[in-house]
Amino acid sequence: MGAPGFTFIRDKRDNPVETTRGNYTTFDTAVASRFFGSEADFSRVLLQNSTYQAFGKNRAEGKQYVFARSTRIGIENPFSNTIIVEPGQEAPSCPPDPPPGTVCQTVIPLPERFFSGGGNSHRGFGLNQAGPRDPVTGFPLGGSALFINNLELRFPTVMVPVLQDNIGFVVFHDMGNVFTRPQDMTRSLFRWHQSNPDVCTHQDTASQCSYNYVSHAIGMGVRYKTPIGPLRVDFGYNLNPPYFPSLKNLVVNQVNGTITGQFSPQQAGHFNFFFSIGQAF
């Protein structure tokens, strides 16, 4: 993909590995165009801001509570002959031998869309499992808009036999989602529940399944200090996971590419477990 871009980073954290105060801001923008050799035409903006505040005046340095917040907002806008298609809507395609000068419609490629879910984004979903899904397979499709807000209260380390004072705990709240269009995001920031989830559980209405709402998750985590950053274990509970249509026992017709199988609607899991190195943000 040809997409010249610009990235701005402002780092005011006291310690990038174990931050207790300060802020961190990134701004990333790019424009993909056929002029630069891209197969699609769209602009992309991703903004992230994180703040860290220590409190507990009577505690020694490094033994304070830390309230951490991170907000991410991403928007992609297609232009020229690039369009956004709804989940299940057939993507445009060119005829086998288009006339000279024909410019066919395209969509934003799957790897260039926004995805969310996992230990470093929304801990109420598995890795990249948030947002719109294909109404046939149930696979995540990503989207052109992203909103994620993370809140985390980090407790001071405690003394534990053998492990000494290297163990810490956190409680967190993650909210947000991925949306097909930027307009869907702005209309859904105060919607806390999936609208009409029943349509997602019936095959004849599966294409009407909507994911335009803000999903919330709460949880707790354990941190073990190491020289390269904390070993992190997080347990997240999604308060309002989405229903989504899917097929099991998939069979792909090699002639026409159609997919058949047994209709088996699902609901994303409430409980999620993550293990990684480094703080969530």
Protein backbone atom coordinates (compact mmCIF):
# COMPACT_ATOMS: atom_id res chain seq x y z
CA MET A 1 0.00 0.00 0.00
CA GLY A 2 1.36 3.44 -0.93
CA ALA A 3 0.55 5.84 1.90
CA PRO A 4 2.87 8.68 2.91
CA GLY A 5 2.21 9.66 6.49
CA PHE A 6 3.16 11.81 9.45
CA THR A 7 3.69 10.74 13.06
CA PHE A 8 3.98 12.99 16.11
CA ILE A 9 5.05 11.64 19.53
CA ARG A 10 5.16 13.59 22.78
CA ASP A 11 6.48 11.58 25.73
CA LYS A 12 6.37 13.21 29.17
CA ARG A 13 6.39 10.01 31.24
CA ASP A 14 8.79 9.68 34.17
CA ASN A 15 9.53 6.05 33.29
CA PRO A 16 8.36 4.36 30.05
CA VAL A 17 8.59 0.90 31.64
CA GLU A 18 6.84 1.61 34.95
CA THR A 19 5.12 4.98 34.60
CA THR A 20 3.85 6.74 37.73
CA ARG A 21 3.26 10.28 36.45
CA GLY A 22 3.23 12.27 33.25
CA ASN A 23 1.50 11.88 29.89
CA TYR A 24 2.06 10.28 26.50
CA THR A 25 0.52 11.44 23.22
CA THR A 26 0.81 10.09 19.68
CA PHE A 27 -0.77 11.40 16.50
CA ASP A 28 -0.51 9.35 13.33
CA THR A 29 -1.98 10.26 9.95
CA ALA A 30 -1.56 8.95 6.41
CA VAL A 31 -3.16 9.22 2.99
CA ALA A 32 -3.38 6.18 0.72
CA SER A 33 -3.94 6.92 -2.97
CA ARG A 34 -3.55 5.28 -6.35
CA PHE A 35 -1.21 8.19 -7.09
CA PHE A 36 1.20 6.62 -4.58
CA GLY A 37 0.63 3.07 -5.81
CA SER A 38 -2.13 2.13 -3.35
CA GLU A 39 -5.00 -0.14 -4.39
CA ALA A 40 -7.47 2.03 -2.43
CA ASP A 41 -7.95 5.74 -1.71
CA PHE A 42 -8.50 6.75 1.90
CA SER A 43 -7.16 8.93 4.68
CA ARG A 44 -6.35 7.66 8.15
CA VAL A 45 -5.99 9.40 11.52
CA LEU A 46 -5.17 7.70 14.82
CA LEU A 47 -4.83 9.69 18.05
CA GLN A 48 -3.81 8.29 21.43
CA ASN A 49 -3.42 10.12 24.72
CA SER A 50 -2.45 8.57 28.05
CA THR A 51 -2.10 10.21 31.47
CA TYR A 52 -0.65 8.91 34.74
CA GLN A 53 -1.21 10.33 38.21
CA ALA A 54 0.38 9.05 41.42
CA PHE A 55 -1.29 9.72 44.75
CA GLY A 56 -0.66 8.85 48.37
CA LYS A 57 1.46 11.66 49.88
CA ASN A 58 2.58 9.67 52.89
CA ARG A 59 3.95 6.81 50.81
CA ALA A 60 7.54 6.39 49.67
CA GLU A 61 8.49 6.88 46.02
CA GLY A 62 7.52 3.78 44.06
CA LYS A 63 4.97 2.74 46.71
CA GLN A 64 2.15 5.03 45.61
CA TYR A 65 -1.13 4.29 43.91
CA VAL A 66 -1.23 5.24 40.22
CA PHE A 67 -4.35 6.14 38.27
CA ALA A 68 -3.72 5.59 34.54
CA ARG A 69 -5.96 6.50 31.60
CA SER A 70 -5.60 5.94 27.87
CA THR A 71 -7.92 7.08 25.07
CA ARG A 72 -7.64 6.06 21.41
CA ILE A 73 -9.68 7.47 18.54
CA GLY A 74 -9.19 6.38 14.93
CA ILE A 75 -10.99 7.43 11.74
CA GLU A 76 -10.60 6.35 8.12
CA ASN A 77 -12.36 8.27 5.33
CA PRO A 78 -12.50 6.81 1.78
CA PHE A 79 -12.46 9.10 -1.25
CA SER A 80 -12.37 8.88 -5.03
CA ASN A 81 -13.60 5.38 -6.02
CA THR A 82 -13.08 3.72 -2.64
CA ILE A 83 -16.21 2.95 -0.61
CA ILE A 84 -17.16 1.36 2.72
CA VAL A 85 -19.37 -1.72 2.59
CA GLU A 86 -21.55 -3.05 5.39
CA PRO A 87 -20.86 -6.52 6.86
CA GLY A 88 -22.21 -9.11 4.44
CA GLN A 89 -22.46 -6.65 1.58
CA GLU A 90 -20.65 -7.87 -1.52
CA ALA A 91 -17.52 -5.89 -2.28
CA PRO A 92 -17.38 -4.28 -5.74
CA SER A 93 -15.32 -6.03 -8.39
CA CYS A 94 -14.04 -5.19 -11.84
CA PRO A 95 -15.11 -7.17 -14.93
CA PRO A 96 -12.46 -9.58 -16.28
CA ASP A 97 -11.51 -7.28 -19.16
CA PRO A 98 -12.53 -3.72 -18.26
CA PRO A 99 -12.54 -1.13 -21.07
CA PRO A 100 -9.51 1.17 -21.19
CA GLY A 101 -9.77 4.02 -18.70
CA THR A 102 -12.24 2.17 -16.47
CA VAL A 103 -11.75 2.94 -12.76
CA CYS A 104 -13.35 0.29 -10.60
CA GLN A 105 -14.64 0.81 -7.07
CA THR A 106 -12.56 -0.67 -4.24
CA VAL A 107 -12.80 -1.07 -0.49
CA ILE A 108 -10.25 -0.41 2.25
CA PRO A 109 -8.10 -3.59 2.48
CA LEU A 110 -8.71 -5.76 5.52
CA PRO A 111 -5.16 -5.32 6.99
CA GLU A 112 -5.54 -1.53 6.86
CA ARG A 113 -8.77 -1.38 8.88
CA PHE A 114 -8.96 -0.80 12.62
CA PHE A 115 -9.13 -3.82 14.91
CA SER A 116 -9.38 -4.01 18.68
CA GLY A 117 -9.51 -6.55 21.47
CA GLY A 118 -6.72 -8.08 23.51
CA GLY A 119 -4.41 -7.35 26.41
CA ASN A 120 -3.21 -4.01 25.04
CA SER A 121 -6.54 -2.58 23.90
CA HIS A 122 -10.01 -3.75 25.01
CA ARG A 123 -9.70 -6.58 27.54
CA GLY A 124 -13.36 -7.51 27.19
CA PHE A 125 -12.58 -9.22 23.86
CA GLY A 126 -10.12 -11.76 22.57
CA LEU A 127 -7.39 -10.59 20.22
CA ASN A 128 -8.93 -8.45 17.40
CA GLN A 129 -12.43 -9.78 18.19
CA ALA A 130 -14.23 -6.44 18.71
CA GLY A 131 -16.43 -4.77 16.12
CA PRO A 132 -18.32 -5.90 13.01
CA ARG A 133 -18.30 -9.55 11.92
CA ASP A 134 -19.05 -11.41 8.73
CA PRO A 135 -22.69 -12.61 8.92
CA VAL A 136 -21.74 -15.96 7.36
CA THR A 137 -18.48 -17.02 9.01
CA GLY A 138 -18.59 -14.82 12.12
CA PHE A 139 -15.01 -13.66 11.53
CA PRO A 140 -14.07 -10.07 12.56
CA LEU A 141 -14.02 -7.61 9.67
CA GLY A 142 -12.50 -4.55 11.33
CA GLY A 143 -13.86 -1.09 10.65
CA SER A 144 -13.16 2.50 9.66
CA ALA A 145 -13.62 3.97 13.14
CA LEU A 146 -12.21 3.11 16.56
CA PHE A 147 -12.89 4.35 20.07
CA ILE A 148 -11.23 2.80 23.12
CA ASN A 149 -10.93 4.24 26.63
CA ASN A 150 -8.98 2.43 29.36
CA LEU A 151 -8.97 3.26 33.06
CA GLU A 152 -6.62 1.48 35.43
CA LEU A 153 -5.84 1.81 39.15
CA ARG A 154 -2.40 0.39 39.92
CA PHE A 155 -1.73 -0.61 43.53
CA PRO A 156 1.67 -0.50 45.23
CA THR A 157 3.66 -3.72 45.31
CA VAL A 158 3.18 -6.00 48.31
CA MET A 159 5.58 -8.26 50.16
CA VAL A 160 5.07 -11.94 49.30
CA PRO A 161 7.22 -14.84 50.55
CA VAL A 162 9.86 -15.93 48.00
CA LEU A 163 8.78 -13.27 45.47
CA GLN A 164 9.53 -10.44 47.93
CA ASP A 165 8.01 -7.04 47.07
CA ASN A 166 7.74 -7.57 43.31
CA ILE A 167 4.03 -8.34 43.14
CA GLY A 168 1.43 -5.67 42.35
CA PHE A 169 -2.26 -5.61 41.51
CA VAL A 170 -4.52 -3.49 39.30
CA VAL A 171 -8.22 -3.05 38.69
CA PHE A 172 -9.41 -1.73 35.34
CA HIS A 173 -12.34 -0.64 33.21
CA ASP A 174 -12.15 -0.78 29.40
CA MET A 175 -14.80 0.62 27.09
CA GLY A 176 -15.17 1.14 23.36
CA ASN A 177 -15.56 -0.72 20.10
CA VAL A 178 -14.73 -0.80 16.40
CA PHE A 179 -17.29 0.62 13.98
CA THR A 180 -17.90 0.13 10.25
CA ARG A 181 -18.17 3.88 9.56
CA PRO A 182 -17.07 7.02 11.45
CA GLN A 183 -20.72 8.12 11.55
CA ASP A 184 -21.60 4.90 13.39
CA MET A 185 -19.06 5.76 16.09
CA THR A 186 -20.38 9.25 16.80
CA ARG A 187 -23.96 7.97 17.02
CA SER A 188 -23.07 5.09 19.34
CA LEU A 189 -20.89 6.61 22.09
CA PHE A 190 -23.82 6.70 24.55
CA ARG A 191 -25.35 3.38 23.49
CA TRP A 192 -24.36 0.70 25.98
CA HIS A 193 -26.20 -2.32 24.58
CA GLN A 194 -26.35 -4.11 21.23
CA SER A 195 -29.56 -3.10 19.50
CA ASN A 196 -31.94 -5.91 18.49
CA PRO A 197 -29.60 -8.83 19.28
CA ASP A 198 -32.37 -11.24 18.26
CA VAL A 199 -31.77 -10.49 14.57
CA CYS A 200 -28.24 -11.88 14.98
CA THR A 201 -29.56 -15.27 16.07
CA HIS A 202 -31.78 -15.97 13.04
CA GLN A 203 -30.35 -16.85 9.65
CA ASP A 204 -32.86 -14.85 7.62
CA THR A 205 -32.05 -11.62 9.52
CA ALA A 206 -28.33 -12.21 10.21
CA SER A 207 -27.26 -9.54 7.74
CA GLN A 208 -29.05 -6.92 9.88
CA CYS A 209 -26.94 -7.64 12.97
CA SER A 210 -25.59 -4.36 14.37
CA TYR A 211 -22.43 -3.83 16.43
CA ASN A 212 -22.87 -0.09 16.90
CA TYR A 213 -22.59 0.31 20.65
CA VAL A 214 -19.93 0.77 23.32
CA SER A 215 -18.85 -2.43 25.03
CA HIS A 216 -17.71 -2.29 28.67
CA ALA A 217 -15.38 -4.60 30.58
CA ILE A 218 -14.13 -4.65 34.15
CA GLY A 219 -11.37 -6.77 35.59
CA MET A 220 -8.29 -7.16 37.70
CA GLY A 221 -4.69 -8.03 37.01
CA VAL A 222 -1.47 -9.18 38.66
CA ARG A 223 1.94 -7.67 37.90
CA TYR A 224 5.37 -9.18 38.64
CA LYS A 225 8.31 -6.80 38.29
CA THR A 226 11.20 -7.80 36.02
CA PRO A 227 14.12 -5.76 34.58
CA ILE A 228 12.40 -5.59 31.17
CA GLY A 229 8.99 -4.64 32.51
CA PRO A 230 6.23 -6.29 34.51
CA LEU A 231 4.95 -9.76 33.68
CA ARG A 232 1.24 -9.17 33.36
CA VAL A 233 -1.80 -11.40 33.90
CA ASP A 234 -5.22 -9.83 33.36
CA PHE A 235 -8.73 -11.22 33.89
CA GLY A 236 -11.43 -9.26 32.07
CA TYR A 237 -15.21 -9.61 32.29
CA ASN A 238 -17.25 -8.16 29.42
CA LEU A 239 -20.47 -6.66 30.78
CA ASN A 240 -22.26 -6.56 27.41
CA PRO A 241 -20.66 -8.88 24.82
CA PRO A 242 -22.30 -8.95 21.37
CA TYR A 243 -24.26 -11.73 19.71
CA PHE A 244 -23.16 -12.56 16.19
CA PRO A 245 -24.20 -15.01 13.44
CA SER A 246 -21.86 -17.74 12.24
CA LEU A 247 -21.77 -21.12 10.53
CA LYS A 248 -20.14 -24.31 11.76
CA ASN A 249 -18.99 -27.25 9.66
CA LEU A 250 -18.13 -24.84 6.85
CA VAL A 251 -17.93 -26.18 3.31
CA VAL A 252 -16.50 -24.00 0.53
CA ASN A 253 -17.65 -24.67 -3.03
CA GLN A 254 -14.46 -24.68 -5.12
CA VAL A 255 -16.37 -23.78 -8.30
CA ASN A 256 -18.26 -20.63 -7.30
CA GLY A 257 -16.72 -19.90 -3.88
CA THR A 258 -19.99 -20.08 -1.95
CA ILE A 259 -19.86 -21.09 1.71
CA THR A 260 -22.40 -23.41 3.29
CA GLY A 261 -22.75 -24.86 6.76
CA GLN A 262 -24.98 -25.21 9.79
CA PHE A 263 -26.21 -21.86 11.15
CA SER A 264 -24.89 -21.52 14.70
CA PRO A 265 -25.24 -18.04 16.27
CA GLN A 266 -22.88 -17.22 19.12
CA GLN A 267 -22.24 -14.65 21.81
CA ALA A 268 -18.76 -13.35 22.51
CA GLY A 269 -17.44 -14.64 25.83
CA HIS A 270 -17.85 -12.75 29.08
CA PHE A 271 -14.53 -13.92 30.54
CA ASN A 272 -11.16 -13.21 28.94
CA PHE A 273 -7.63 -14.02 30.10
CA PHE A 274 -4.41 -12.31 28.96
CA PHE A 275 -0.73 -12.91 29.68
CA SER A 276 1.99 -10.59 28.39
CA ILE A 277 5.00 -8.45 29.28
CA GLY A 278 4.75 -4.71 29.98
CA GLN A 279 1.92 -2.53 31.17
CA ALA A 280 -1.30 -2.42 29.13
CA PHE A 281 -0.53 1.21 28.19
